[in-house]
Amino acid sequence: ELRRRSDIANKSQGNLFVSIHCNSSAEGTAYRAHKQ
């Protein structure tokens, strides 16, 4: 859960939080889609 992620960070006395994600555009996954 998002709240638990924050709790883990705070209880671990972190000094920097780096959250890794992948983006997605509205065009979907078709090969003909605009390749943002």
Full PDB file with SEQRES, HELIX, SHEET, SSBOND, CRYST1, ORIGX, SCALE, CONECT and MASTER records, all heavy atoms in Angstrom:
SEQRES   1 A   36  GLU LEU ARG ARG ARG SER ASP ILE ALA ASN LYS SER GLN          
SEQRES   2 A   36  GLY ASN LEU PHE VAL SER ILE HIS CYS ASN SER SER ALA          
SEQRES   3 A   36  GLU GLY THR ALA TYR ARG ALA HIS LYS GLN                      
HELIX    1 AA1 LEU A    2  LYS A   11  1                                  10    
CRYST1    1.000    1.000    1.000  90.00  90.00  90.00 P 1           1          
ORIGX1      1.000000  0.000000  0.000000        0.00000                         
ORIGX2      0.000000  1.000000  0.000000        0.00000                         
ORIGX3      0.000000  0.000000  1.000000        0.00000                         
SCALE1      1.000000  0.000000  0.000000        0.00000                         
SCALE2      0.000000  1.000000  0.000000        0.00000                         
SCALE3      0.000000  0.000000  1.000000        0.00000                         
ATOM      1  N   GLU A   1       0.830  -1.196   0.000  1.00  0.00           N  
ATOM      2  CA  GLU A   1       0.000   0.000   0.000  1.00  0.00           C  
ATOM      3  C   GLU A   1       0.872   1.257   0.000  1.00  0.00           C  
ATOM      4  O   GLU A   1       1.985   1.258   0.515  1.00  0.00           O  
ATOM      5  CB  GLU A   1      -0.915   0.021   1.235  1.00  0.00           C  
ATOM      6  CG  GLU A   1      -1.935  -1.111   1.278  1.00  0.00           C  
ATOM      7  CD  GLU A   1      -1.393  -2.375   1.909  1.00  0.00           C  
ATOM      8  OE1 GLU A   1      -0.158  -2.434   2.152  1.00  0.00           O  
ATOM      9  OE2 GLU A   1      -2.184  -3.300   2.161  1.00  0.00           O  
ATOM     10  N   LEU A   2       0.344   2.323  -0.583  1.00  0.00           N  
ATOM     11  CA  LEU A   2       1.101   3.572  -0.646  1.00  0.00           C  
ATOM     12  C   LEU A   2       1.456   4.080   0.743  1.00  0.00           C  
ATOM     13  O   LEU A   2       2.569   4.564   0.978  1.00  0.00           O  
ATOM     14  CB  LEU A   2       0.302   4.630  -1.412  1.00  0.00           C  
ATOM     15  CG  LEU A   2       0.026   4.335  -2.891  1.00  0.00           C  
ATOM     16  CD1 LEU A   2      -0.724   5.498  -3.523  1.00  0.00           C  
ATOM     17  CD2 LEU A   2       1.319   4.064  -3.646  1.00  0.00           C  
ATOM     18  N   ARG A   3       0.512   3.986   1.666  1.00  0.00           N  
ATOM     19  CA  ARG A   3       0.784   4.442   3.031  1.00  0.00           C  
ATOM     20  C   ARG A   3       1.910   3.627   3.661  1.00  0.00           C  
ATOM     21  O   ARG A   3       2.764   4.175   4.375  1.00  0.00           O  
ATOM     22  CB  ARG A   3      -0.484   4.323   3.888  1.00  0.00           C  
ATOM     23  CG  ARG A   3      -0.311   4.795   5.331  1.00  0.00           C  
ATOM     24  CD  ARG A   3      -1.595   4.633   6.104  1.00  0.00           C  
ATOM     25  NE  ARG A   3      -2.607   5.569   5.668  1.00  0.00           N  
ATOM     26  CZ  ARG A   3      -2.782   6.773   6.198  1.00  0.00           C  
ATOM     27  NH1 ARG A   3      -1.976   7.176   7.162  1.00  0.00           N  
ATOM     28  NH2 ARG A   3      -3.725   7.562   5.765  1.00  0.00           N  
ATOM     29  N   ARG A   4       1.930   2.335   3.387  1.00  0.00           N  
ATOM     30  CA  ARG A   4       2.960   1.482   3.972  1.00  0.00           C  
ATOM     31  C   ARG A   4       4.334   1.808   3.380  1.00  0.00           C  
ATOM     32  O   ARG A   4       5.353   1.733   4.081  1.00  0.00           O  
ATOM     33  CB  ARG A   4       2.618   0.014   3.726  1.00  0.00           C  
ATOM     34  CG  ARG A   4       3.550  -0.963   4.422  1.00  0.00           C  
ATOM     35  CD  ARG A   4       3.127  -2.385   4.198  1.00  0.00           C  
ATOM     36  NE  ARG A   4       4.181  -3.325   4.552  1.00  0.00           N  
ATOM     37  CZ  ARG A   4       4.204  -4.586   4.165  1.00  0.00           C  
ATOM     38  NH1 ARG A   4       3.226  -5.071   3.430  1.00  0.00           N  
ATOM     39  NH2 ARG A   4       5.202  -5.375   4.519  1.00  0.00           N  
ATOM     40  N   ARG A   5       4.375   2.179   2.113  1.00  0.00           N  
ATOM     41  CA  ARG A   5       5.651   2.567   1.489  1.00  0.00           C  
ATOM     42  C   ARG A   5       6.235   3.773   2.220  1.00  0.00           C  
ATOM     43  O   ARG A   5       7.430   3.827   2.514  1.00  0.00           O  
ATOM     44  CB  ARG A   5       5.441   2.874   0.008  1.00  0.00           C  
ATOM     45  CG  ARG A   5       5.070   1.661  -0.838  1.00  0.00           C  
ATOM     46  CD  ARG A   5       4.677   2.079  -2.254  1.00  0.00           C  
ATOM     47  NE  ARG A   5       4.084   0.976  -2.995  1.00  0.00           N  
ATOM     48  CZ  ARG A   5       4.742   0.180  -3.843  1.00  0.00           C  
ATOM     49  NH1 ARG A   5       6.028   0.393  -4.064  1.00  0.00           N  
ATOM     50  NH2 ARG A   5       4.133  -0.798  -4.462  1.00  0.00           N  
ATOM     51  N   SER A   6       5.378   4.743   2.483  1.00  0.00           N  
ATOM     52  CA  SER A   6       5.826   5.935   3.209  1.00  0.00           C  
ATOM     53  C   SER A   6       6.269   5.573   4.625  1.00  0.00           C  
ATOM     54  O   SER A   6       7.262   6.100   5.127  1.00  0.00           O  
ATOM     55  CB  SER A   6       4.710   6.972   3.258  1.00  0.00           C  
ATOM     56  OG  SER A   6       4.346   7.394   1.960  1.00  0.00           O  
ATOM     57  N   ASP A   7       5.530   4.690   5.274  1.00  0.00           N  
ATOM     58  CA  ASP A   7       5.875   4.268   6.631  1.00  0.00           C  
ATOM     59  C   ASP A   7       7.249   3.594   6.654  1.00  0.00           C  
ATOM     60  O   ASP A   7       8.055   3.823   7.561  1.00  0.00           O  
ATOM     61  CB  ASP A   7       4.822   3.305   7.182  1.00  0.00           C  
ATOM     62  CG  ASP A   7       3.514   3.997   7.517  1.00  0.00           C  
ATOM     63  OD1 ASP A   7       3.515   5.245   7.624  1.00  0.00           O  
ATOM     64  OD2 ASP A   7       2.488   3.301   7.661  1.00  0.00           O  
ATOM     65  N   ILE A   8       7.499   2.738   5.667  1.00  0.00           N  
ATOM     66  CA  ILE A   8       8.797   2.054   5.573  1.00  0.00           C  
ATOM     67  C   ILE A   8       9.915   3.088   5.450  1.00  0.00           C  
ATOM     68  O   ILE A   8      10.945   3.005   6.115  1.00  0.00           O  
ATOM     69  CB  ILE A   8       8.825   1.086   4.378  1.00  0.00           C  
ATOM     70  CG1 ILE A   8       7.881  -0.105   4.624  1.00  0.00           C  
ATOM     71  CG2 ILE A   8      10.255   0.588   4.111  1.00  0.00           C  
ATOM     72  CD1 ILE A   8       7.672  -0.982   3.405  1.00  0.00           C  
ATOM     73  N   ALA A   9       9.695   4.078   4.579  1.00  0.00           N  
ATOM     74  CA  ALA A   9      10.698   5.118   4.364  1.00  0.00           C  
ATOM     75  C   ALA A   9      10.969   5.903   5.638  1.00  0.00           C  
ATOM     76  O   ALA A   9      12.125   6.139   6.011  1.00  0.00           O  
ATOM     77  CB  ALA A   9      10.229   6.060   3.250  1.00  0.00           C  
ATOM     78  N   ASN A  10       9.912   6.296   6.330  1.00  0.00           N  
ATOM     79  CA  ASN A  10      10.061   7.124   7.518  1.00  0.00           C  
ATOM     80  C   ASN A  10      10.664   6.358   8.699  1.00  0.00           C  
ATOM     81  O   ASN A  10      11.537   6.863   9.402  1.00  0.00           O  
ATOM     82  CB  ASN A  10       8.714   7.718   7.905  1.00  0.00           C  
ATOM     83  CG  ASN A  10       8.174   8.651   6.836  1.00  0.00           C  
ATOM     84  OD1 ASN A  10       8.936   9.300   6.123  1.00  0.00           O  
ATOM     85  ND2 ASN A  10       6.855   8.706   6.706  1.00  0.00           N  
ATOM     86  N   LYS A  11      10.209   5.138   8.907  1.00  0.00           N  
ATOM     87  CA  LYS A  11      10.718   4.339  10.023  1.00  0.00           C  
ATOM     88  C   LYS A  11      12.167   3.926   9.794  1.00  0.00           C  
ATOM     89  O   LYS A  11      12.891   3.637  10.753  1.00  0.00           O  
ATOM     90  CB  LYS A  11       9.835   3.108  10.228  1.00  0.00           C  
ATOM     91  CG  LYS A  11       8.459   3.448  10.781  1.00  0.00           C  
ATOM     92  CD  LYS A  11       7.579   2.216  10.905  1.00  0.00           C  
ATOM     93  CE  LYS A  11       6.189   2.583  11.429  1.00  0.00           C  
ATOM     94  NZ  LYS A  11       5.292   1.390  11.509  1.00  0.00           N  
ATOM     95  N   SER A  12      12.585   3.884   8.529  1.00  0.00           N  
ATOM     96  CA  SER A  12      13.969   3.533   8.205  1.00  0.00           C  
ATOM     97  C   SER A  12      14.897   4.735   8.281  1.00  0.00           C  
ATOM     98  O   SER A  12      16.082   4.611   7.992  1.00  0.00           O  
ATOM     99  CB  SER A  12      14.036   2.920   6.794  1.00  0.00           C  
ATOM    100  OG  SER A  12      13.247   1.760   6.705  1.00  0.00           O  
ATOM    101  N   GLN A  13      14.335   5.898   8.633  1.00  0.00           N  
ATOM    102  CA  GLN A  13      15.095   7.134   8.750  1.00  0.00           C  
ATOM    103  C   GLN A  13      15.824   7.473   7.460  1.00  0.00           C  
ATOM    104  O   GLN A  13      17.013   7.789   7.447  1.00  0.00           O  
ATOM    105  CB  GLN A  13      16.078   7.055   9.917  1.00  0.00           C  
ATOM    106  CG  GLN A  13      15.389   6.860  11.261  1.00  0.00           C  
ATOM    107  CD  GLN A  13      16.342   6.917  12.439  1.00  0.00           C  
ATOM    108  OE1 GLN A  13      17.543   6.833  12.272  1.00  0.00           O  
ATOM    109  NE2 GLN A  13      15.798   7.066  13.629  1.00  0.00           N  
ATOM    110  N   GLY A  14      15.082   7.378   6.351  1.00  0.00           N  
ATOM    111  CA  GLY A  14      15.664   7.690   5.057  1.00  0.00           C  
ATOM    112  C   GLY A  14      15.949   9.167   4.893  1.00  0.00           C  
ATOM    113  O   GLY A  14      15.311  10.022   5.510  1.00  0.00           O  
ATOM    114  N   ASN A  15      16.945   9.461   4.067  1.00  0.00           N  
ATOM    115  CA  ASN A  15      17.298  10.842   3.749  1.00  0.00           C  
ATOM    116  C   ASN A  15      16.932  11.213   2.316  1.00  0.00           C  
ATOM    117  O   ASN A  15      16.953  12.389   1.960  1.00  0.00           O  
ATOM    118  CB  ASN A  15      18.798  11.073   3.928  1.00  0.00           C  
ATOM    119  CG  ASN A  15      19.296  10.602   5.278  1.00  0.00           C  
ATOM    120  OD1 ASN A  15      20.102   9.686   5.339  1.00  0.00           O  
ATOM    121  ND2 ASN A  15      18.821  11.212   6.354  1.00  0.00           N  
ATOM    122  N   LEU A  16      16.634  10.196   1.502  1.00  0.00           N  
ATOM    123  CA  LEU A  16      16.279  10.428   0.106  1.00  0.00           C  
ATOM    124  C   LEU A  16      15.378   9.286  -0.356  1.00  0.00           C  
ATOM    125  O   LEU A  16      15.688   8.115  -0.137  1.00  0.00           O  
ATOM    126  CB  LEU A  16      17.531  10.498  -0.764  1.00  0.00           C  
ATOM    127  CG  LEU A  16      17.329  10.791  -2.259  1.00  0.00           C  
ATOM    128  CD1 LEU A  16      16.735  12.187  -2.462  1.00  0.00           C  
ATOM    129  CD2 LEU A  16      18.648  10.658  -3.014  1.00  0.00           C  
ATOM    130  N   PHE A  17      14.260   9.632  -0.990  1.00  0.00           N  
ATOM    131  CA  PHE A  17      13.285   8.646  -1.453  1.00  0.00           C  
ATOM    132  C   PHE A  17      13.282   8.645  -2.976  1.00  0.00           C  
ATOM    133  O   PHE A  17      13.018   9.671  -3.603  1.00  0.00           O  
ATOM    134  CB  PHE A  17      11.897   9.014  -0.915  1.00  0.00           C  
ATOM    135  CG  PHE A  17      10.824   8.001  -1.190  1.00  0.00           C  
ATOM    136  CD1 PHE A  17      10.552   6.994  -0.278  1.00  0.00           C  
ATOM    137  CD2 PHE A  17      10.065   8.061  -2.345  1.00  0.00           C  
ATOM    138  CE1 PHE A  17       9.543   6.061  -0.508  1.00  0.00           C  
ATOM    139  CE2 PHE A  17       9.057   7.147  -2.588  1.00  0.00           C  
ATOM    140  CZ  PHE A  17       8.797   6.137  -1.669  1.00  0.00           C  
ATOM    141  N   VAL A  18      13.610   7.502  -3.577  1.00  0.00           N  
ATOM    142  CA  VAL A  18      13.645   7.362  -5.034  1.00  0.00           C  
ATOM    143  C   VAL A  18      12.617   6.315  -5.443  1.00  0.00           C  
ATOM    144  O   VAL A  18      12.777   5.133  -5.139  1.00  0.00           O  
ATOM    145  CB  VAL A  18      15.043   6.954  -5.537  1.00  0.00           C  
ATOM    146  CG1 VAL A  18      15.053   6.865  -7.058  1.00  0.00           C  
ATOM    147  CG2 VAL A  18      16.103   7.937  -5.053  1.00  0.00           C  
ATOM    148  N   SER A  19      11.568   6.749  -6.107  1.00  0.00           N  
ATOM    149  CA  SER A  19      10.501   5.843  -6.524  1.00  0.00           C  
ATOM    150  C   SER A  19      10.629   5.571  -8.024  1.00  0.00           C  
ATOM    151  O   SER A  19      10.647   6.504  -8.833  1.00  0.00           O  
ATOM    152  CB  SER A  19       9.132   6.463  -6.216  1.00  0.00           C  
ATOM    153  OG  SER A  19       8.092   5.532  -6.448  1.00  0.00           O  
ATOM    154  N   ILE A  20      10.742   4.292  -8.388  1.00  0.00           N  
ATOM    155  CA  ILE A  20      10.965   3.893  -9.776  1.00  0.00           C  
ATOM    156  C   ILE A  20       9.647   3.516 -10.430  1.00  0.00           C  
ATOM    157  O   ILE A  20       8.900   2.672  -9.922  1.00  0.00           O  
ATOM    158  CB  ILE A  20      11.930   2.694  -9.861  1.00  0.00           C  
ATOM    159  CG1 ILE A  20      13.196   2.961  -9.043  1.00  0.00           C  
ATOM    160  CG2 ILE A  20      12.265   2.381 -11.306  1.00  0.00           C  
ATOM    161  CD1 ILE A  20      14.021   4.108  -9.525  1.00  0.00           C  
ATOM    162  N   HIS A  21       9.368   4.119 -11.587  1.00  0.00           N  
ATOM    163  CA  HIS A  21       8.126   3.848 -12.316  1.00  0.00           C  
ATOM    164  C   HIS A  21       8.374   3.825 -13.815  1.00  0.00           C  
ATOM    165  O   HIS A  21       9.456   4.182 -14.286  1.00  0.00           O  
ATOM    166  CB  HIS A  21       7.080   4.932 -12.001  1.00  0.00           C  
ATOM    167  CG  HIS A  21       6.461   4.792 -10.649  1.00  0.00           C  
ATOM    168  ND1 HIS A  21       5.174   4.351 -10.454  1.00  0.00           N  
ATOM    169  CD2 HIS A  21       6.959   5.031  -9.421  1.00  0.00           C  
ATOM    170  CE1 HIS A  21       4.909   4.324  -9.162  1.00  0.00           C  
ATOM    171  NE2 HIS A  21       5.985   4.728  -8.504  1.00  0.00           N  
ATOM    172  N   CYS A  22       7.352   3.391 -14.561  1.00  0.00           N  
ATOM    173  CA  CYS A  22       7.348   3.496 -16.017  1.00  0.00           C  
ATOM    174  C   CYS A  22       6.133   4.323 -16.415  1.00  0.00           C  
ATOM    175  O   CYS A  22       5.065   4.190 -15.817  1.00  0.00           O  
ATOM    176  CB  CYS A  22       7.246   2.124 -16.686  1.00  0.00           C  
ATOM    177  SG  CYS A  22       8.614   1.007 -16.309  1.00  0.00           S  
ATOM    178  N   ASN A  23       6.303   5.150 -17.411  1.00  0.00           N  
ATOM    179  CA  ASN A  23       5.219   6.006 -17.863  1.00  0.00           C  
ATOM    180  C   ASN A  23       4.364   5.283 -18.900  1.00  0.00           C  
ATOM    181  O   ASN A  23       4.735   4.234 -19.426  1.00  0.00           O  
ATOM    182  CB  ASN A  23       5.796   7.297 -18.463  1.00  0.00           C  
ATOM    183  CG  ASN A  23       4.933   8.503 -18.167  1.00  0.00           C  
ATOM    184  OD1 ASN A  23       3.728   8.368 -17.947  1.00  0.00           O  
ATOM    185  ND2 ASN A  23       5.533   9.670 -18.158  1.00  0.00           N  
ATOM    186  N   SER A  24       3.216   5.864 -19.213  1.00  0.00           N  
ATOM    187  CA  SER A  24       2.342   5.327 -20.251  1.00  0.00           C  
ATOM    188  C   SER A  24       1.527   6.472 -20.827  1.00  0.00           C  
ATOM    189  O   SER A  24       0.971   7.280 -20.076  1.00  0.00           O  
ATOM    190  CB  SER A  24       1.406   4.257 -19.675  1.00  0.00           C  
ATOM    191  OG  SER A  24       0.558   3.727 -20.679  1.00  0.00           O  
ATOM    192  N   SER A  25       1.490   6.553 -22.146  1.00  0.00           N  
ATOM    193  CA  SER A  25       0.715   7.614 -22.796  1.00  0.00           C  
ATOM    194  C   SER A  25      -0.677   7.112 -23.129  1.00  0.00           C  
ATOM    195  O   SER A  25      -0.951   5.912 -23.067  1.00  0.00           O  
ATOM    196  CB  SER A  25       1.424   8.091 -24.068  1.00  0.00           C  
ATOM    197  OG  SER A  25       1.654   6.999 -24.940  1.00  0.00           O  
ATOM    198  N   ALA A  26      -1.553   8.016 -23.492  1.00  0.00           N  
ATOM    199  CA  ALA A  26      -2.963   7.681 -23.715  1.00  0.00           C  
ATOM    200  C   ALA A  26      -3.198   6.916 -25.008  1.00  0.00           C  
ATOM    201  O   ALA A  26      -4.291   6.402 -25.241  1.00  0.00           O  
ATOM    202  CB  ALA A  26      -3.794   8.961 -23.725  1.00  0.00           C  
ATOM    203  N   GLU A  27      -2.180   6.796 -25.839  1.00  0.00           N  
ATOM    204  CA  GLU A  27      -2.394   6.180 -27.150  1.00  0.00           C  
ATOM    205  C   GLU A  27      -2.521   4.668 -27.108  1.00  0.00           C  
ATOM    206  O   GLU A  27      -2.898   4.043 -28.085  1.00  0.00           O  
ATOM    207  CB  GLU A  27      -1.235   6.544 -28.100  1.00  0.00           C  
ATOM    208  CG  GLU A  27      -1.210   7.989 -28.530  1.00  0.00           C  
ATOM    209  CD  GLU A  27      -0.581   8.883 -27.472  1.00  0.00           C  
ATOM    210  OE1 GLU A  27      -0.016   8.338 -26.504  1.00  0.00           O  
ATOM    211  OE2 GLU A  27      -0.659  10.110 -27.602  1.00  0.00           O  
ATOM    212  N   GLY A  28      -2.156   4.051 -25.993  1.00  0.00           N  
ATOM    213  CA  GLY A  28      -2.260   2.595 -25.903  1.00  0.00           C  
ATOM    214  C   GLY A  28      -0.976   1.919 -26.327  1.00  0.00           C  
ATOM    215  O   GLY A  28       0.075   2.546 -26.462  1.00  0.00           O  
ATOM    216  N   THR A  29      -1.050   0.617 -26.593  1.00  0.00           N  
ATOM    217  CA  THR A  29       0.156  -0.164 -26.868  1.00  0.00           C  
ATOM    218  C   THR A  29       0.287  -0.595 -28.329  1.00  0.00           C  
ATOM    219  O   THR A  29       1.195  -1.337 -28.668  1.00  0.00           O  
ATOM    220  CB  THR A  29       0.174  -1.435 -25.987  1.00  0.00           C  
ATOM    221  OG1 THR A  29      -1.027  -2.185 -26.226  1.00  0.00           O  
ATOM    222  CG2 THR A  29       0.255  -1.070 -24.522  1.00  0.00           C  
ATOM    223  N   ALA A  30      -0.618  -0.158 -29.192  1.00  0.00           N  
ATOM    224  CA  ALA A  30      -0.543  -0.559 -30.598  1.00  0.00           C  
ATOM    225  C   ALA A  30       0.711   0.001 -31.252  1.00  0.00           C  
ATOM    226  O   ALA A  30       1.144   1.113 -30.957  1.00  0.00           O  
ATOM    227  CB  ALA A  30      -1.780  -0.061 -31.349  1.00  0.00           C  
ATOM    228  N   TYR A  31       1.297  -0.752 -32.157  1.00  0.00           N  
ATOM    229  CA  TYR A  31       2.521  -0.313 -32.832  1.00  0.00           C  
ATOM    230  C   TYR A  31       2.291   0.956 -33.638  1.00  0.00           C  
ATOM    231  O   TYR A  31       3.199   1.750 -33.862  1.00  0.00           O  
ATOM    232  CB  TYR A  31       3.031  -1.425 -33.747  1.00  0.00           C  
ATOM    233  CG  TYR A  31       3.866  -2.442 -33.030  1.00  0.00           C  
ATOM    234  CD1 TYR A  31       3.332  -3.688 -32.691  1.00  0.00           C  
ATOM    235  CD2 TYR A  31       5.182  -2.165 -32.668  1.00  0.00           C  
ATOM    236  CE1 TYR A  31       4.097  -4.632 -32.023  1.00  0.00           C  
ATOM    237  CE2 TYR A  31       5.951  -3.117 -32.003  1.00  0.00           C  
ATOM    238  CZ  TYR A  31       5.411  -4.339 -31.684  1.00  0.00           C  
ATOM    239  OH  TYR A  31       6.169  -5.262 -31.016  1.00  0.00           O  
ATOM    240  N   ARG A  32       1.059   1.152 -34.099  1.00  0.00           N  
ATOM    241  CA  ARG A  32       0.775   2.333 -34.901  1.00  0.00           C  
ATOM    242  C   ARG A  32       0.526   3.572 -34.025  1.00  0.00           C  
ATOM    243  O   ARG A  32       0.332   4.664 -34.533  1.00  0.00           O  
ATOM    244  CB  ARG A  32      -0.450   2.089 -35.775  1.00  0.00           C  
ATOM    245  CG  ARG A  32      -1.736   1.813 -34.986  1.00  0.00           C  
ATOM    246  CD  ARG A  32      -2.910   1.588 -35.926  1.00  0.00           C  
ATOM    247  NE  ARG A  32      -4.139   1.289 -35.208  1.00  0.00           N  
ATOM    248  CZ  ARG A  32      -4.482   0.089 -34.786  1.00  0.00           C  
ATOM    249  NH1 ARG A  32      -3.675  -0.931 -35.015  1.00  0.00           N  
ATOM    250  NH2 ARG A  32      -5.622  -0.096 -34.149  1.00  0.00           N  
ATOM    251  N   ALA A  33       0.554   3.375 -32.719  1.00  0.00           N  
ATOM    252  CA  ALA A  33       0.283   4.495 -31.815  1.00  0.00           C  
ATOM    253  C   ALA A  33       1.409   5.518 -31.868  1.00  0.00           C  
ATOM    254  O   ALA A  33       2.551   5.212 -32.232  1.00  0.00           O  
ATOM    255  CB  ALA A  33       0.115   3.985 -30.387  1.00  0.00           C  
ATOM    256  N   HIS A  34       1.082   6.721 -31.509  1.00  0.00           N  
ATOM    257  CA  HIS A  34       2.092   7.768 -31.395  1.00  0.00           C  
ATOM    258  C   HIS A  34       3.113   7.356 -30.353  1.00  0.00           C  
ATOM    259  O   HIS A  34       2.759   7.031 -29.219  1.00  0.00           O  
ATOM    260  CB  HIS A  34       1.439   9.091 -30.984  1.00  0.00           C  
ATOM    261  CG  HIS A  34       2.425  10.177 -30.696  1.00  0.00           C  
ATOM    262  ND1 HIS A  34       3.237  10.712 -31.658  1.00  0.00           N  
ATOM    263  CD2 HIS A  34       2.747  10.811 -29.536  1.00  0.00           C  
ATOM    264  CE1 HIS A  34       4.016  11.646 -31.110  1.00  0.00           C  
ATOM    265  NE2 HIS A  34       3.729  11.720 -29.824  1.00  0.00           N  
ATOM    266  N   LYS A  35       4.380   7.371 -30.704  1.00  0.00           N  
ATOM    267  CA  LYS A  35       5.418   6.844 -29.827  1.00  0.00           C  
ATOM    268  C   LYS A  35       6.007   7.941 -28.939  1.00  0.00           C  
ATOM    269  O   LYS A  35       7.106   8.436 -29.181  1.00  0.00           O  
ATOM    270  CB  LYS A  35       6.508   6.163 -30.651  1.00  0.00           C  
ATOM    271  CG  LYS A  35       6.006   4.950 -31.427  1.00  0.00           C  
ATOM    272  CD  LYS A  35       7.118   4.322 -32.240  1.00  0.00           C  
ATOM    273  CE  LYS A  35       6.621   3.122 -33.032  1.00  0.00           C  
ATOM    274  NZ  LYS A  35       7.695   2.509 -33.845  1.00  0.00           N  
ATOM    275  N   GLN A  36       5.276   8.320 -27.912  1.00  0.00           N  
ATOM    276  CA  GLN A  36       5.811   9.274 -26.965  1.00  0.00           C  
ATOM    277  C   GLN A  36       6.947   8.613 -26.195  1.00  0.00           C  
ATOM    278  O   GLN A  36       6.883   7.433 -25.846  1.00  0.00           O  
ATOM    279  CB  GLN A  36       4.733   9.745 -25.989  1.00  0.00           C  
ATOM    280  CG  GLN A  36       5.181  10.894 -25.111  1.00  0.00           C  
ATOM    281  CD  GLN A  36       4.035  11.521 -24.340  1.00  0.00           C  
ATOM    282  OE1 GLN A  36       2.884  11.109 -24.504  1.00  0.00           O  
ATOM    283  NE2 GLN A  36       4.331  12.507 -23.513  1.00  0.00           N  
TER     284      GLN A  36                                                      
MASTER        0    0    0    1    0    0    0    6  283    1    0    3          
END                                                                             
